Each structure stands twice: as structure tokens, then as C-alpha cells.
């Protein structure tokens, strides 16, 4: 089996997770009283979620991605489909948990603006 697409998927996932967490947490952190707590909670939440997300990515993402690419393109595209499935599942799961942790931290430190416009 060719492990290069799997390795590339995991490395690209780490970079994408870091970028998405930074994009989401920095606007929340600017308004927070404790901006470092909001930013670091996003990173820590994503890091903690990466371990179970890897399990889900390898079992669910790899299986579904490989099967879809085999059906769409052919048996030669299975490693690429596995890599794309792992990437999408890992990024989706870890960034969701990381951004959720950052939003919870922002609520706890009182930095989330009111939705109705009143202060």
C-alpha cells in the first residue's frame, strides 16, 4: 500500500487545523478580556480532539474516501481517496472541537457580543 497520500493528508491536516483555529479565534480574542485564554483554548481543544479524530479519520474517512474514489475513478485512485477522506474528516472534527472550545472560553471570559445589538 502506498502511504505517501496518508502521510501528506495528516501533515496537511495539521497545517489546515492550525490556520482555521487562528482565523476563528483571533476575532474572538480581540474582544476578550483575556485574549490569550481564548486563543489557547482553541489550540488546546483542537490538539486534544486530534487523537480521537485520527481514529475517526482512519476508520471512517479513509474507508469512505477510498471507496468513493474507486467507484468514481478506478482502483488506481484508492490511495488518493483514502488521503482525501482522512484529510477532510480530521480537519472537520478537530477544527469543530477547537472552535467550540474557543467560543466556550470567549463566553466564559465575557467577550461574545450580543446578537440583538444591545450592550
C-alpha atoms as a PDB file:
ATOM      1  CA  UNK A   1       0.000   0.000   0.000  1.00  0.00           C
ATOM      2  CA  UNK A   2       1.172   3.493  -0.774  1.00  0.00           C
ATOM      3  CA  UNK A   3       1.482   5.509   2.458  1.00  0.00           C
ATOM      4  CA  UNK A   4       2.514   8.820   0.894  1.00  0.00           C
ATOM      5  CA  UNK A   5      -1.078  10.144   0.423  1.00  0.00           C
ATOM      6  CA  UNK A   6      -1.891   9.201   4.012  1.00  0.00           C
ATOM      7  CA  UNK A   7       1.217  10.948   5.343  1.00  0.00           C
ATOM      8  CA  UNK A   8       0.506  14.024   3.218  1.00  0.00           C
ATOM      9  CA  UNK A   9      -3.091  14.072   4.452  1.00  0.00           C
ATOM     10  CA  UNK A  10      -2.038  14.058   8.103  1.00  0.00           C
ATOM     11  CA  UNK A  11       0.607  16.769   7.605  1.00  0.00           C
ATOM     12  CA  UNK A  12      -1.720  18.953   5.539  1.00  0.00           C
ATOM     13  CA  UNK A  13      -4.433  18.461   8.150  1.00  0.00           C
ATOM     14  CA  UNK A  14      -2.181  19.780  10.907  1.00  0.00           C
ATOM     15  CA  UNK A  15      -1.468  22.944   8.949  1.00  0.00           C
ATOM     16  CA  UNK A  16      -5.087  23.458   7.970  1.00  0.00           C
ATOM     17  CA  UNK A  17      -6.326  22.910  11.530  1.00  0.00           C
ATOM     18  CA  UNK A  18      -3.846  25.485  12.828  1.00  0.00           C
ATOM     19  CA  UNK A  19      -4.892  28.013  10.176  1.00  0.00           C
ATOM     20  CA  UNK A  20      -8.636  27.562  10.759  1.00  0.00           C
ATOM     21  CA  UNK A  21      -8.271  27.842  14.534  1.00  0.00           C
ATOM     22  CA  UNK A  22      -6.237  31.039  14.086  1.00  0.00           C
ATOM     23  CA  UNK A  23      -8.803  32.540  11.710  1.00  0.00           C
ATOM     24  CA  UNK A  24     -11.691  31.760  14.065  1.00  0.00           C
ATOM     25  CA  UNK A  25     -10.127  32.568  17.430  1.00  0.00           C
ATOM     26  CA  UNK A  26      -8.365  35.843  16.666  1.00  0.00           C
ATOM     27  CA  UNK A  27     -11.576  37.875  16.110  1.00  0.00           C
ATOM     28  CA  UNK A  28     -12.976  36.427  19.334  1.00  0.00           C
ATOM     29  CA  UNK A  29      -9.722  37.101  21.175  1.00  0.00           C
ATOM     30  CA  UNK A  30      -9.607  40.755  20.121  1.00  0.00           C
ATOM     31  CA  UNK A  31     -12.783  41.463  22.074  1.00  0.00           C
ATOM     32  CA  UNK A  32     -11.909  39.306  25.069  1.00  0.00           C
ATOM     33  CA  UNK A  33     -10.632  40.477  28.405  1.00  0.00           C
ATOM     34  CA  UNK A  34      -8.246  37.526  28.412  1.00  0.00           C
ATOM     35  CA  UNK A  35      -7.356  37.100  24.754  1.00  0.00           C
ATOM     36  CA  UNK A  36      -4.655  34.501  25.313  1.00  0.00           C
ATOM     37  CA  UNK A  37      -7.143  32.216  27.077  1.00  0.00           C
ATOM     38  CA  UNK A  38      -9.468  32.302  24.085  1.00  0.00           C
ATOM     39  CA  UNK A  39      -6.701  31.687  21.569  1.00  0.00           C
ATOM     40  CA  UNK A  40      -5.009  28.921  23.526  1.00  0.00           C
ATOM     41  CA  UNK A  41      -8.280  27.186  24.306  1.00  0.00           C
ATOM     42  CA  UNK A  42      -8.878  26.860  20.578  1.00  0.00           C
ATOM     43  CA  UNK A  43      -5.454  25.350  20.007  1.00  0.00           C
ATOM     44  CA  UNK A  44      -5.663  23.059  23.025  1.00  0.00           C
ATOM     45  CA  UNK A  45      -9.192  21.955  22.098  1.00  0.00           C
ATOM     46  CA  UNK A  46      -8.032  21.069  18.594  1.00  0.00           C
ATOM     47  CA  UNK A  47      -4.945  19.263  19.904  1.00  0.00           C
ATOM     48  CA  UNK A  48      -6.979  17.207  22.357  1.00  0.00           C
ATOM     49  CA  UNK A  49      -9.533  16.399  19.665  1.00  0.00           C
ATOM     50  CA  UNK A  50      -6.857  15.301  17.207  1.00  0.00           C
ATOM     51  CA  UNK A  51      -6.271  11.938  18.904  1.00  0.00           C
ATOM     52  CA  UNK A  52      -9.864  10.660  18.596  1.00  0.00           C
ATOM     53  CA  UNK A  53     -10.205  12.498  15.285  1.00  0.00           C
ATOM     54  CA  UNK A  54      -7.308  10.456  13.910  1.00  0.00           C
ATOM     55  CA  UNK A  55      -9.177   7.281  14.775  1.00  0.00           C
ATOM     56  CA  UNK A  56     -12.319   8.556  13.054  1.00  0.00           C
ATOM     57  CA  UNK A  57     -10.296   9.785  10.086  1.00  0.00           C
ATOM     58  CA  UNK A  58      -8.561   6.470   9.512  1.00  0.00           C
ATOM     59  CA  UNK A  59     -11.643   4.323  10.007  1.00  0.00           C
ATOM     60  CA  UNK A  60     -14.418   6.448   8.529  1.00  0.00           C
ATOM     61  CA  UNK A  61     -12.666   8.969   6.295  1.00  0.00           C
ATOM     62  CA  UNK A  62     -10.203   6.551   4.773  1.00  0.00           C
ATOM     63  CA  UNK A  63     -12.793   3.904   4.106  1.00  0.00           C
ATOM     64  CA  UNK A  64     -15.359   6.216   2.562  1.00  0.00           C
ATOM     65  CA  UNK A  65     -12.784   8.235   0.607  1.00  0.00           C
ATOM     66  CA  UNK A  66     -11.138   5.139  -0.810  1.00  0.00           C
ATOM     67  CA  UNK A  67     -14.465   3.583  -1.774  1.00  0.00           C
ATOM     68  CA  UNK A  68     -15.712   6.770  -3.462  1.00  0.00           C
ATOM     69  CA  UNK A  69     -12.558   7.268  -5.464  1.00  0.00           C
ATOM     70  CA  UNK A  70     -12.563   3.617  -6.506  1.00  0.00           C
ATOM     71  CA  UNK A  71     -16.149   3.953  -7.712  1.00  0.00           C
ATOM     72  CA  UNK A  72     -15.577   7.289  -9.453  1.00  0.00           C
ATOM     73  CA  UNK A  73     -12.124   6.853 -10.969  1.00  0.00           C
ATOM     74  CA  UNK A  74     -10.983   3.273 -10.533  1.00  0.00           C
ATOM     75  CA  UNK A  75      -8.794   1.071  -8.354  1.00  0.00           C
ATOM     76  CA  UNK A  76      -5.672   3.142  -9.018  1.00  0.00           C
ATOM     77  CA  UNK A  77      -7.190   6.151  -7.207  1.00  0.00           C
ATOM     78  CA  UNK A  78      -7.868   4.363  -3.903  1.00  0.00           C
ATOM     79  CA  UNK A  79      -4.772   5.765  -2.067  1.00  0.00           C
ATOM     80  CA  UNK A  80      -5.645   9.316  -3.128  1.00  0.00           C
ATOM     81  CA  UNK A  81      -9.236   8.838  -1.986  1.00  0.00           C
ATOM     82  CA  UNK A  82      -8.049   7.486   1.339  1.00  0.00           C
ATOM     83  CA  UNK A  83      -5.809  10.539   1.784  1.00  0.00           C
ATOM     84  CA  UNK A  84      -8.571  12.995   0.913  1.00  0.00           C
ATOM     85  CA  UNK A  85     -11.041  11.208   3.199  1.00  0.00           C
ATOM     86  CA  UNK A  86      -8.561  11.287   6.080  1.00  0.00           C
ATOM     87  CA  UNK A  87      -7.840  14.974   5.460  1.00  0.00           C
ATOM     88  CA  UNK A  88     -11.489  16.043   5.380  1.00  0.00           C
ATOM     89  CA  UNK A  89     -12.503  14.010   8.415  1.00  0.00           C
ATOM     90  CA  UNK A  90      -9.523  15.048  10.521  1.00  0.00           C
ATOM     91  CA  UNK A  91      -9.834  18.739   9.688  1.00  0.00           C
ATOM     92  CA  UNK A  92     -13.587  18.788  10.159  1.00  0.00           C
ATOM     93  CA  UNK A  93     -13.559  17.038  13.518  1.00  0.00           C
ATOM     94  CA  UNK A  94     -10.566  18.762  15.113  1.00  0.00           C
ATOM     95  CA  UNK A  95     -11.477  22.268  13.953  1.00  0.00           C
ATOM     96  CA  UNK A  96     -15.045  21.851  15.138  1.00  0.00           C
ATOM     97  CA  UNK A  97     -13.928  20.877  18.631  1.00  0.00           C
ATOM     98  CA  UNK A  98     -11.207  23.546  18.703  1.00  0.00           C
ATOM     99  CA  UNK A  99     -13.518  26.356  17.640  1.00  0.00           C
ATOM    100  CA  UNK A 100     -16.156  25.137  20.065  1.00  0.00           C
ATOM    101  CA  UNK A 101     -13.596  25.305  22.880  1.00  0.00           C
ATOM    102  CA  UNK A 102     -12.605  28.834  21.834  1.00  0.00           C
ATOM    103  CA  UNK A 103     -16.226  30.002  21.745  1.00  0.00           C
ATOM    104  CA  UNK A 104     -16.884  28.485  25.165  1.00  0.00           C
ATOM    105  CA  UNK A 105     -13.783  30.246  26.524  1.00  0.00           C
ATOM    106  CA  UNK A 106     -14.939  33.508  24.933  1.00  0.00           C
ATOM    107  CA  UNK A 107     -18.326  33.164  26.595  1.00  0.00           C
ATOM    108  CA  UNK A 108     -16.703  32.420  29.948  1.00  0.00           C
ATOM    109  CA  UNK A 109     -14.464  35.488  29.811  1.00  0.00           C
ATOM    110  CA  UNK A 110     -17.347  37.629  28.557  1.00  0.00           C
ATOM    111  CA  UNK A 111     -16.179  38.612  25.091  1.00  0.00           C
ATOM    112  CA  UNK A 112     -19.006  37.430  22.868  1.00  0.00           C
ATOM    113  CA  UNK A 113     -21.103  40.357  21.600  1.00  0.00           C
ATOM    114  CA  UNK A 114     -24.869  40.301  21.963  1.00  0.00           C
ATOM    115  CA  UNK A 115     -26.770  39.206  18.897  1.00  0.00           C
ATOM    116  CA  UNK A 116     -29.529  41.788  19.200  1.00  0.00           C
ATOM    117  CA  UNK A 117     -27.095  44.717  19.204  1.00  0.00           C
ATOM    118  CA  UNK A 118     -27.682  45.800  22.820  1.00  0.00           C
ATOM    119  CA  UNK A 119     -24.626  46.045  25.035  1.00  0.00           C
END
